[in-house]
Amino acid sequence: MDLLEEHPRPVDGIRVGIGGWTFAPWRDNFYPKGLVQRRELEYASRKLTAIEVNGTYYGAQKPTTYAKWASETPDGFVFSAKAPMRIVQARALAKTGPQIDDFLGGIASLGDKLGPIVWQFEQRLERDSFTEFLQLLPASVEGRPLRHVLDVRDPNFVDADYIALARKHGMATVFTDSDEHPSFGDVTADFVYARLMRARADVPTGYTDKELAMWSQRAHEWAQGRQPDALPYLSKEAAPVRKRDVFVFFISAAKERNPAAAMALIQRLGV
């Protein structure tokens, strides 16, 4: 099966994707019939412009595995990746420097396919320890600039001070379109990272045309340096207006619909 077809490119610096590429129901509604599993990444990367790797949360891969992933994807495609839970769930976050360096040194094998690194915290956090942890995150690895994303799910921690701290370190915070996690649109870095988590099984594209049009508009606003008016915000201080790269991922919810949602949004962005 020839997969060397033309693939989508980022529009206005906006990349759109899904979480992972291995999910059995996608073999019925996304991947072509007869496509062998070892070629699913090759196919998905030619329909999307980014993929968020969730598997690294449960365990880092070997550098050779990351390099293989990179080789199977087209120019311009990027992976974002969740940092391992053994780091983000450590009792002493401020002492995880060696583990951080080990993880980032390995995933650097993605080369120019390496996108944002997501640090997801499920537990209650202590401000001083968290601040010390952020100081451990390097600005680059092997000469390649890094982009860090903070996904703090402790609602008692997420406030205007958290926004100020993220801005001080130039790190993005996740905009999560979900009722299950803190949701706020404050822009804190030179890029935006959004997770859309409301896909519905009874809608073929997960989101209606009206909803996709809305997210297309918001993605363009982010790319042009603005903060969309309709989103909730924690800080009264707006981010400076400047062009930004944007990453939009359709995650969880009716997961079987997420590839269709991502492809539909990619198509809308170019209209």
Protein backbone atom coordinates (compact mmCIF):
# COMPACT_ATOMS: atom_id res chain seq x y z
CA MET A 1 0.00 0.00 0.00
CA ASP A 2 1.54 3.30 -1.11
CA LEU A 3 1.43 5.92 1.62
CA LEU A 4 3.71 8.44 -0.06
CA GLU A 5 0.87 10.80 -0.86
CA GLU A 6 0.77 14.54 -0.27
CA HIS A 7 0.36 15.30 3.41
CA PRO A 8 -1.14 18.34 5.17
CA ARG A 9 1.08 21.20 6.27
CA PRO A 10 0.62 23.50 9.26
CA VAL A 11 -1.64 26.43 8.45
CA ASP A 12 -0.69 29.77 10.02
CA GLY A 13 1.63 27.85 12.37
CA ILE A 14 -1.25 25.66 13.60
CA ARG A 15 -0.72 21.92 14.00
CA VAL A 16 -3.60 19.53 14.68
CA GLY A 17 -3.53 15.94 15.84
CA ILE A 18 -4.66 13.19 18.18
CA GLY A 19 -3.33 11.25 21.15
CA GLY A 20 -1.28 8.25 20.02
CA TRP A 21 -1.81 6.24 16.87
CA THR A 22 -2.64 2.73 18.15
CA PHE A 23 -6.34 2.27 18.92
CA ALA A 24 -8.30 -0.74 17.69
CA PRO A 25 -11.51 1.12 16.67
CA TRP A 26 -9.46 3.34 14.34
CA ARG A 27 -8.90 0.24 12.20
CA ASP A 28 -12.58 0.43 11.29
CA ASN A 29 -12.99 4.16 10.67
CA PHE A 30 -9.56 5.75 10.12
CA TYR A 31 -6.97 3.31 8.87
CA PRO A 32 -7.51 1.68 5.45
CA LYS A 33 -8.64 -1.91 5.47
CA GLY A 34 -5.65 -4.20 5.23
CA LEU A 35 -3.12 -1.70 6.59
CA VAL A 36 -0.67 -3.57 8.79
CA GLN A 37 -0.30 -2.22 12.32
CA ARG A 38 3.40 -1.42 11.94
CA ARG A 39 2.48 1.17 9.28
CA GLU A 40 -0.21 2.98 11.29
CA LEU A 41 2.13 5.78 12.37
CA GLU A 42 3.28 6.20 8.78
CA TYR A 43 -0.34 6.59 7.69
CA ALA A 44 -1.55 8.78 10.58
CA SER A 45 1.35 11.21 10.17
CA ARG A 46 0.27 11.80 6.58
CA LYS A 47 -3.28 12.74 7.58
CA LEU A 48 -2.41 14.91 10.61
CA THR A 49 0.28 17.46 11.43
CA ALA A 50 1.10 16.33 14.99
CA ILE A 51 0.57 13.49 17.46
CA GLU A 52 0.70 13.63 21.23
CA VAL A 53 2.51 10.56 22.58
CA ASN A 54 0.84 9.34 25.75
CA GLY A 55 2.85 6.13 26.12
CA THR A 56 5.92 7.98 27.38
CA TYR A 57 3.92 8.87 30.51
CA TYR A 58 4.06 5.20 31.49
CA GLY A 59 7.63 4.63 30.44
CA ALA A 60 10.27 6.30 28.30
CA GLN A 61 11.32 4.57 25.07
CA LYS A 62 14.79 3.76 23.84
CA PRO A 63 16.48 6.44 21.72
CA THR A 64 16.43 4.03 18.78
CA THR A 65 12.63 3.80 19.05
CA TYR A 66 12.25 7.59 18.95
CA ALA A 67 14.56 7.74 15.95
CA LYS A 68 12.45 5.08 14.20
CA TRP A 69 9.27 7.09 14.81
CA ALA A 70 10.93 10.16 13.33
CA SER A 71 12.02 8.24 10.24
CA GLU A 72 8.46 7.05 9.56
CA THR A 73 6.93 10.54 9.50
CA PRO A 74 7.08 13.26 6.83
CA ASP A 75 8.94 16.56 6.95
CA GLY A 76 7.17 19.16 9.07
CA PHE A 77 5.41 16.62 11.28
CA VAL A 78 6.05 16.79 15.05
CA PHE A 79 5.43 14.74 18.15
CA SER A 80 4.56 16.18 21.52
CA ALA A 81 5.14 13.80 24.42
CA LYS A 82 4.09 13.39 28.02
CA ALA A 83 6.93 13.20 30.52
CA PRO A 84 7.10 9.95 32.53
CA MET A 85 4.89 9.63 35.61
CA ARG A 86 7.92 8.54 37.64
CA ILE A 87 9.11 12.14 37.33
CA VAL A 88 5.90 14.15 37.65
CA GLN A 89 4.55 12.02 40.50
CA ALA A 90 7.77 12.03 42.50
CA ARG A 91 7.40 13.04 46.15
CA ALA A 92 10.48 15.24 45.88
CA LEU A 93 10.01 17.04 42.56
CA ALA A 94 13.04 19.22 43.19
CA LYS A 95 15.31 16.16 43.19
CA THR A 96 14.27 14.78 39.80
CA GLY A 97 16.99 16.51 37.79
CA PRO A 98 18.83 13.32 36.77
CA GLN A 99 15.59 11.63 35.65
CA ILE A 100 14.61 14.73 33.66
CA ASP A 101 17.96 14.82 31.91
CA ASP A 102 17.79 11.10 31.14
CA PHE A 103 14.31 11.36 29.62
CA LEU A 104 15.06 14.45 27.55
CA GLY A 105 18.41 13.09 26.41
CA GLY A 106 16.66 10.02 25.01
CA ILE A 107 13.71 11.70 23.36
CA ALA A 108 16.06 14.15 21.68
CA SER A 109 16.53 11.31 19.19
CA LEU A 110 13.31 12.56 17.55
CA GLY A 111 15.45 15.36 16.13
CA ASP A 112 13.48 18.07 14.37
CA LYS A 113 10.31 16.02 14.91
CA LEU A 114 10.46 16.79 18.65
CA GLY A 115 7.68 19.17 19.66
CA PRO A 116 6.43 20.23 23.11
CA ILE A 117 7.07 18.17 26.25
CA VAL A 118 3.99 17.91 28.49
CA TRP A 119 4.46 17.76 32.26
CA GLN A 120 1.15 16.51 33.66
CA PHE A 121 0.54 16.71 37.41
CA GLU A 122 -2.41 14.85 38.91
CA GLN A 123 -1.49 15.29 42.58
CA ARG A 124 -1.73 18.23 44.96
CA LEU A 125 1.27 20.48 44.56
CA GLU A 126 3.31 22.65 46.91
CA ARG A 127 4.27 26.01 45.42
CA ASP A 128 7.94 26.16 46.44
CA SER A 129 8.69 22.59 45.37
CA PHE A 130 6.95 23.13 42.04
CA THR A 131 8.90 26.34 41.46
CA GLU A 132 12.17 24.51 42.13
CA PHE A 133 11.09 21.79 39.70
CA LEU A 134 10.50 24.31 36.89
CA GLN A 135 14.06 25.53 37.34
CA LEU A 136 15.27 22.02 36.50
CA LEU A 137 13.64 22.00 33.06
CA PRO A 138 16.31 22.93 30.49
CA ALA A 139 15.75 25.40 27.69
CA SER A 140 17.41 23.05 25.21
CA VAL A 141 18.71 19.53 24.74
CA GLU A 142 21.67 18.71 22.51
CA GLY A 143 21.50 22.25 21.14
CA ARG A 144 17.82 21.92 20.20
CA PRO A 145 15.39 24.40 21.88
CA LEU A 146 12.73 22.79 24.05
CA ARG A 147 9.13 23.78 24.58
CA HIS A 148 7.63 22.85 27.92
CA VAL A 149 3.91 22.52 28.64
CA LEU A 150 2.47 22.48 32.17
CA ASP A 151 -0.73 20.53 32.78
CA VAL A 152 -1.60 21.00 36.46
CA ARG A 153 -4.86 19.30 37.40
CA ASP A 154 -5.03 20.46 41.01
CA PRO A 155 -7.80 23.12 40.91
CA ASN A 156 -6.56 24.65 44.18
CA PHE A 157 -3.15 25.31 42.63
CA VAL A 158 -4.31 26.80 39.36
CA ASP A 159 -4.67 30.56 39.87
CA ALA A 160 -3.25 33.89 38.73
CA ASP A 161 0.03 33.18 40.55
CA TYR A 162 0.40 29.95 38.60
CA ILE A 163 -0.10 31.88 35.36
CA ALA A 164 2.54 34.41 36.40
CA LEU A 165 4.97 31.59 37.26
CA ALA A 166 4.47 29.90 33.88
CA ARG A 167 5.00 33.21 32.08
CA LYS A 168 8.16 33.89 34.06
CA HIS A 169 9.61 30.59 32.81
CA GLY A 170 8.20 30.92 29.29
CA MET A 171 6.24 27.69 29.59
CA ALA A 172 2.81 27.04 28.13
CA THR A 173 -0.17 25.93 30.18
CA VAL A 174 -2.68 23.53 28.66
CA PHE A 175 -6.02 24.88 27.57
CA THR A 176 -8.34 21.95 28.30
CA ASP A 177 -11.81 21.98 26.80
CA SER A 178 -13.36 19.68 29.42
CA ASP A 179 -15.45 19.79 32.57
CA GLU A 180 -13.17 17.23 34.25
CA HIS A 181 -10.04 19.37 34.54
CA PRO A 182 -9.19 23.04 35.15
CA SER A 183 -10.01 24.98 32.00
CA PHE A 184 -8.57 28.43 31.26
CA GLY A 185 -7.29 30.21 28.20
CA ASP A 186 -4.41 32.32 29.56
CA VAL A 187 -1.50 32.36 27.11
CA THR A 188 1.83 32.03 28.92
CA ALA A 189 4.44 31.24 26.26
CA ASP A 190 5.38 31.78 22.61
CA PHE A 191 3.08 28.92 21.65
CA VAL A 192 -0.38 27.61 22.60
CA TYR A 193 -1.24 24.04 23.53
CA ALA A 194 -4.90 22.99 23.50
CA ARG A 195 -6.63 19.71 24.24
CA LEU A 196 -10.19 19.40 22.96
CA MET A 197 -12.00 16.68 24.90
CA ARG A 198 -15.68 16.85 23.91
CA ALA A 199 -15.92 14.60 20.84
CA ARG A 200 -19.26 12.79 20.62
CA ALA A 201 -19.86 9.34 19.17
CA ASP A 202 -23.10 10.32 17.45
CA VAL A 203 -21.36 13.00 15.34
CA PRO A 204 -19.28 11.47 12.50
CA THR A 205 -16.58 14.12 12.90
CA GLY A 206 -16.85 14.22 16.69
CA TYR A 207 -17.70 17.91 16.58
CA THR A 208 -20.40 19.64 14.54
CA ASP A 209 -19.51 21.93 11.65
CA LYS A 210 -20.41 24.93 13.82
CA GLU A 211 -18.12 23.76 16.61
CA LEU A 212 -15.25 23.08 14.21
CA ALA A 213 -15.70 26.54 12.69
CA MET A 214 -15.47 28.02 16.20
CA TRP A 215 -12.25 26.14 17.01
CA SER A 216 -10.78 27.08 13.66
CA GLN A 217 -11.43 30.74 14.44
CA ARG A 218 -9.95 30.42 17.92
CA ALA A 219 -6.86 28.64 16.61
CA HIS A 220 -6.27 31.46 14.14
CA GLU A 221 -6.73 34.02 16.92
CA TRP A 222 -4.12 32.23 19.02
CA ALA A 223 -1.77 32.05 16.04
CA GLN A 224 -2.15 35.79 15.46
CA GLY A 225 -1.29 36.50 19.10
CA ARG A 226 -4.70 37.11 20.61
CA GLN A 227 -6.59 35.47 23.47
CA PRO A 228 -10.12 34.49 22.33
CA ASP A 229 -12.73 36.54 24.21
CA ALA A 230 -15.11 33.68 25.00
CA LEU A 231 -12.66 31.57 27.03
CA PRO A 232 -12.28 31.72 30.84
CA TYR A 233 -9.15 33.41 32.21
CA LEU A 234 -7.35 33.33 35.56
CA SER A 235 -5.19 36.42 35.22
CA LYS A 236 -6.26 39.98 34.53
CA GLU A 237 -2.98 40.52 32.69
CA ALA A 238 -3.21 39.60 29.01
CA ALA A 239 -0.32 38.07 27.13
CA PRO A 240 1.57 40.33 24.70
CA VAL A 241 0.23 40.21 21.16
CA ARG A 242 2.65 38.36 18.88
CA LYS A 243 2.40 35.50 16.44
CA ARG A 244 2.47 32.07 18.02
CA ASP A 245 2.64 28.44 16.99
CA VAL A 246 -0.47 26.52 18.00
CA PHE A 247 -0.95 22.84 18.82
CA VAL A 248 -4.50 21.47 18.94
CA PHE A 249 -5.14 17.87 19.93
CA PHE A 250 -8.40 15.95 20.00
CA ILE A 251 -8.05 13.74 23.07
CA SER A 252 -10.21 11.23 24.97
CA ALA A 253 -14.03 11.58 25.01
CA ALA A 254 -15.41 9.63 22.00
CA LYS A 255 -11.88 8.65 21.02
CA GLU A 256 -13.00 6.74 17.94
CA ARG A 257 -14.06 10.09 16.41
CA ASN A 258 -10.89 12.04 17.14
CA PRO A 259 -9.03 11.37 13.85
CA ALA A 260 -12.07 12.54 11.87
CA ALA A 261 -12.33 15.65 14.07
CA ALA A 262 -8.64 16.46 13.56
CA MET A 263 -8.80 16.01 9.79
CA ALA A 264 -11.96 18.12 9.58
CA LEU A 265 -10.30 20.93 11.54
CA ILE A 266 -7.19 20.77 9.36
CA GLN A 267 -9.39 21.16 6.30
CA ARG A 268 -11.24 24.13 7.83
CA LEU A 269 -8.04 25.92 8.80
CA GLY A 270 -6.99 26.09 5.18
CA VAL A 271 -10.29 27.51 3.94
